Amino acid sequence: MRTLKQFPEIETLKRRMQSLAVLDALICPEWEFRCFSFNGNWGVGETMGSIRNGLGDEVFALFSDVGCFIKEFNQEKEILDEAYSHVPVEFLDVVQEPAFDPANVTACYWRNRNSSHWEKSGKDGAFDPSASFLLALVDGNPETYESYANDYYERALPSGFVAQIFQHQALTSSDLDSISFERHLEELKKDIHEIGYPSTLP
């Protein structure tokens, strides 16, 4: 994803963020230490995905009937003045969410469900992977997650398994056996339910 035109469509982005949240839930029992999370029941007709690096940088992506709105905060970038001044009226309710505090925005993106493209705040519409380093993790490439998991958790997952989760194949008991899953099953099932990912776990 080197340009905004290469950024995935709304449903593709949503599924990727759900998959990443599942992978993190399988590796890390403590929600507060995970990089990726997803709430499939954020509000009426709304779901929310988030990315955090543990150092204060973060991304929040709210999916709704209107479309998708993304806010990013990178401590190494300048805060946007009047970050939401050009946001379409249909997204104005979204930016009232506490997670979208306008005082902590270095980039924001949006796409209406009736639109064929993403739009970006700021002086230009370019998507800069170096500036959007957390969003660059949502490229849909299993190897990107594998590299991240090795660095962040010092834990590896089988390549085939990661690819399977990105394909949204239902999580099964056999899958858990294949990765030597050690968490309490009931806790994982609660996570999976919150994320909204398909599962056949008993």
Protein backbone atom coordinates (compact mmCIF):
# COMPACT_ATOMS: atom_id res chain seq x y z
CA MET A 1 0.00 0.00 0.00
CA ARG A 2 2.11 2.85 -1.30
CA THR A 3 -0.69 5.15 -2.43
CA LEU A 4 -4.18 5.92 -1.21
CA LYS A 5 -5.54 4.31 -4.38
CA GLN A 6 -4.07 1.00 -3.22
CA PHE A 7 -5.78 1.19 0.15
CA PRO A 8 -8.31 -1.67 0.47
CA GLU A 9 -12.04 -1.32 0.11
CA ILE A 10 -14.04 -0.90 3.31
CA GLU A 11 -15.11 -4.53 3.79
CA THR A 12 -11.64 -5.81 2.95
CA LEU A 13 -10.10 -3.47 5.52
CA LYS A 14 -12.65 -4.55 8.11
CA ARG A 15 -11.96 -8.26 7.56
CA ARG A 16 -8.22 -7.70 7.75
CA MET A 17 -8.53 -5.83 11.04
CA GLN A 18 -10.73 -8.60 12.43
CA SER A 19 -8.17 -11.20 11.36
CA LEU A 20 -5.31 -9.29 12.96
CA ALA A 21 -7.29 -8.96 16.19
CA VAL A 22 -7.88 -12.74 16.24
CA LEU A 23 -4.20 -13.47 15.68
CA ASP A 24 -3.23 -11.15 18.53
CA ALA A 25 -5.85 -12.73 20.80
CA LEU A 26 -4.34 -16.14 20.12
CA ILE A 27 -0.85 -14.96 21.01
CA CYS A 28 -1.46 -12.47 23.82
CA PRO A 29 -3.93 -13.23 26.68
CA GLU A 30 -3.87 -9.65 28.03
CA TRP A 31 -6.01 -7.33 25.90
CA GLU A 32 -4.17 -4.21 27.06
CA PHE A 33 -0.87 -5.52 25.66
CA ARG A 34 -2.20 -6.37 22.21
CA CYS A 35 -1.46 -4.27 19.16
CA PHE A 36 -4.64 -5.15 17.27
CA SER A 37 -8.18 -5.22 18.65
CA PHE A 38 -11.67 -5.19 17.18
CA ASN A 39 -15.12 -4.65 18.65
CA GLY A 40 -17.91 -6.04 16.49
CA ASN A 41 -20.60 -4.49 18.69
CA TRP A 42 -19.32 -0.95 19.13
CA GLY A 43 -22.71 0.65 18.53
CA VAL A 44 -25.87 0.29 16.51
CA GLY A 45 -24.63 -0.59 13.03
CA GLU A 46 -21.06 0.17 14.08
CA THR A 47 -17.84 -1.79 14.57
CA MET A 48 -14.44 -0.46 15.65
CA GLY A 49 -10.92 -1.63 14.89
CA SER A 50 -7.82 -0.27 16.58
CA ILE A 51 -4.04 -0.56 16.32
CA ARG A 52 -1.60 0.45 19.07
CA ASN A 53 2.14 0.04 19.28
CA GLY A 54 2.42 0.32 23.06
CA LEU A 55 4.31 3.61 22.80
CA GLY A 56 1.34 5.94 22.44
CA ASP A 57 0.85 5.78 18.68
CA GLU A 58 -2.57 4.57 17.58
CA VAL A 59 -5.11 4.10 14.82
CA PHE A 60 -8.88 3.89 15.22
CA ALA A 61 -11.14 2.80 12.37
CA LEU A 62 -14.91 3.05 12.77
CA PHE A 63 -17.06 1.10 10.31
CA SER A 64 -20.70 2.08 10.00
CA ASP A 65 -23.61 2.13 7.59
CA VAL A 66 -22.19 5.41 6.30
CA GLY A 67 -18.76 4.03 5.50
CA CYS A 68 -15.41 4.02 7.29
CA PHE A 69 -13.58 6.78 9.13
CA ILE A 70 -9.96 6.37 10.28
CA LYS A 71 -7.99 8.52 12.70
CA GLU A 72 -4.26 8.12 13.19
CA PHE A 73 -1.93 9.55 15.84
CA ASN A 74 1.82 9.32 15.32
CA GLN A 75 3.94 11.04 17.96
CA GLU A 76 6.66 11.79 15.42
CA LYS A 77 4.31 13.72 13.11
CA GLU A 78 2.73 17.15 13.41
CA ILE A 79 -0.78 17.44 14.84
CA LEU A 80 -3.25 18.53 12.16
CA ASP A 81 -4.75 21.95 12.70
CA GLU A 82 -8.54 21.78 12.40
CA ALA A 83 -8.15 18.11 11.56
CA TYR A 84 -11.83 17.55 10.86
CA SER A 85 -12.64 20.81 9.08
CA HIS A 86 -13.01 19.09 5.70
CA VAL A 87 -14.72 15.92 6.91
CA PRO A 88 -18.02 15.28 5.07
CA VAL A 89 -21.14 16.00 7.06
CA GLU A 90 -22.14 12.32 7.14
CA PHE A 91 -19.08 11.58 9.31
CA LEU A 92 -19.51 14.42 11.80
CA ASP A 93 -21.21 12.17 14.34
CA VAL A 94 -18.23 9.81 14.17
CA VAL A 95 -15.68 12.45 15.12
CA GLN A 96 -17.58 13.10 18.35
CA GLU A 97 -16.37 9.72 19.63
CA PRO A 98 -13.76 10.07 22.43
CA ALA A 99 -11.36 7.88 20.42
CA PHE A 100 -11.38 10.53 17.68
CA ASP A 101 -10.25 13.45 19.85
CA PRO A 102 -9.27 16.21 17.36
CA ALA A 103 -6.40 17.23 19.63
CA ASN A 104 -4.56 14.01 18.77
CA VAL A 105 -4.81 13.59 15.00
CA THR A 106 -1.86 13.41 12.61
CA ALA A 107 -3.88 11.95 9.73
CA CYS A 108 -7.44 10.91 9.02
CA TYR A 109 -9.04 9.05 6.16
CA TRP A 110 -12.61 8.36 5.16
CA ARG A 111 -14.66 6.60 2.53
CA ASN A 112 -18.39 6.72 2.01
CA ARG A 113 -19.97 3.38 1.09
CA ASN A 114 -21.21 4.97 -2.12
CA SER A 115 -17.77 6.26 -3.02
CA SER A 116 -15.17 4.56 -5.22
CA HIS A 117 -12.16 6.00 -3.40
CA TRP A 118 -10.67 7.06 -0.06
CA GLU A 119 -10.05 10.66 0.92
CA LYS A 120 -7.43 12.02 3.29
CA SER A 121 -7.10 15.08 5.48
CA GLY A 122 -4.23 17.48 4.92
CA LYS A 123 -2.81 19.36 2.00
CA ASP A 124 -2.52 16.37 -0.31
CA GLY A 125 -4.24 13.05 -0.83
CA ALA A 126 -1.10 10.93 -0.80
CA PHE A 127 -0.89 7.86 1.39
CA ASP A 128 2.57 7.84 2.95
CA PRO A 129 3.50 4.43 4.42
CA SER A 130 6.29 6.03 6.45
CA ALA A 131 3.76 8.37 8.06
CA SER A 132 1.05 5.71 8.31
CA PHE A 133 3.33 3.02 9.70
CA LEU A 134 0.60 1.33 11.75
CA LEU A 135 -1.84 1.22 8.84
CA ALA A 136 0.93 -0.29 6.74
CA LEU A 137 0.53 -3.42 8.90
CA VAL A 138 -2.93 -3.94 7.39
CA ASP A 139 -1.62 -4.87 3.96
CA GLY A 140 -3.19 -8.33 3.97
CA ASN A 141 0.17 -10.06 3.65
CA PRO A 142 0.60 -12.89 6.19
CA GLU A 143 4.36 -12.34 6.16
CA THR A 144 3.85 -8.79 7.44
CA TYR A 145 2.04 -10.12 10.50
CA GLU A 146 4.55 -12.93 11.01
CA SER A 147 7.41 -10.43 11.04
CA TYR A 148 5.51 -8.16 13.42
CA ALA A 149 4.65 -11.02 15.80
CA ASN A 150 8.27 -12.14 15.89
CA ASP A 151 9.43 -8.63 16.77
CA TYR A 152 6.61 -7.63 19.13
CA TYR A 153 5.81 -10.89 20.91
CA GLU A 154 8.90 -12.96 20.06
CA ARG A 155 6.43 -15.59 18.93
CA ALA A 156 5.93 -17.23 15.56
CA LEU A 157 2.76 -18.70 14.11
CA PRO A 158 2.73 -21.17 11.19
CA SER A 159 2.59 -19.35 7.85
CA GLY A 160 -0.29 -21.46 6.61
CA PHE A 161 -2.31 -20.73 9.73
CA VAL A 162 -1.86 -16.96 9.45
CA ALA A 163 -2.93 -17.09 5.79
CA GLN A 164 -5.99 -19.12 6.80
CA ILE A 165 -7.06 -16.47 9.32
CA PHE A 166 -6.63 -13.74 6.71
CA GLN A 167 -8.96 -15.75 4.48
CA HIS A 168 -11.55 -15.66 7.27
CA GLN A 169 -11.77 -19.42 7.57
CA ALA A 170 -13.65 -20.44 10.71
CA LEU A 171 -11.39 -21.05 13.73
CA THR A 172 -11.56 -24.67 14.90
CA SER A 173 -10.29 -26.76 17.80
CA SER A 174 -7.85 -28.43 15.42
CA ASP A 175 -6.43 -25.01 14.58
CA LEU A 176 -5.75 -24.38 18.26
CA ASP A 177 -4.00 -27.72 18.58
CA SER A 178 -1.81 -26.89 15.58
CA ILE A 179 -0.45 -23.74 17.24
CA SER A 180 -0.18 -25.24 20.76
CA PHE A 181 -2.75 -22.77 22.12
CA GLU A 182 -2.35 -22.34 25.89
CA ARG A 183 -5.03 -19.82 26.92
CA HIS A 184 -8.29 -20.69 28.65
CA LEU A 185 -10.75 -21.60 25.90
CA GLU A 186 -13.69 -19.68 27.37
CA GLU A 187 -11.67 -16.46 27.46
CA LEU A 188 -10.71 -16.91 23.82
CA LYS A 189 -14.32 -17.57 22.83
CA LYS A 190 -15.34 -14.27 24.43
CA ASP A 191 -12.65 -12.49 22.43
CA ILE A 192 -13.73 -14.17 19.20
CA HIS A 193 -17.36 -13.24 19.83
CA GLU A 194 -16.44 -9.60 20.47
CA ILE A 195 -14.33 -9.47 17.32
CA GLY A 196 -17.09 -11.06 15.26
CA TYR A 197 -14.84 -13.63 13.64
CA PRO A 198 -16.26 -16.99 12.41
CA SER A 199 -15.59 -19.94 14.74
CA THR A 200 -16.73 -23.50 15.40
CA LEU A 201 -15.10 -23.70 18.84
CA PRO A 202 -17.23 -25.82 21.21
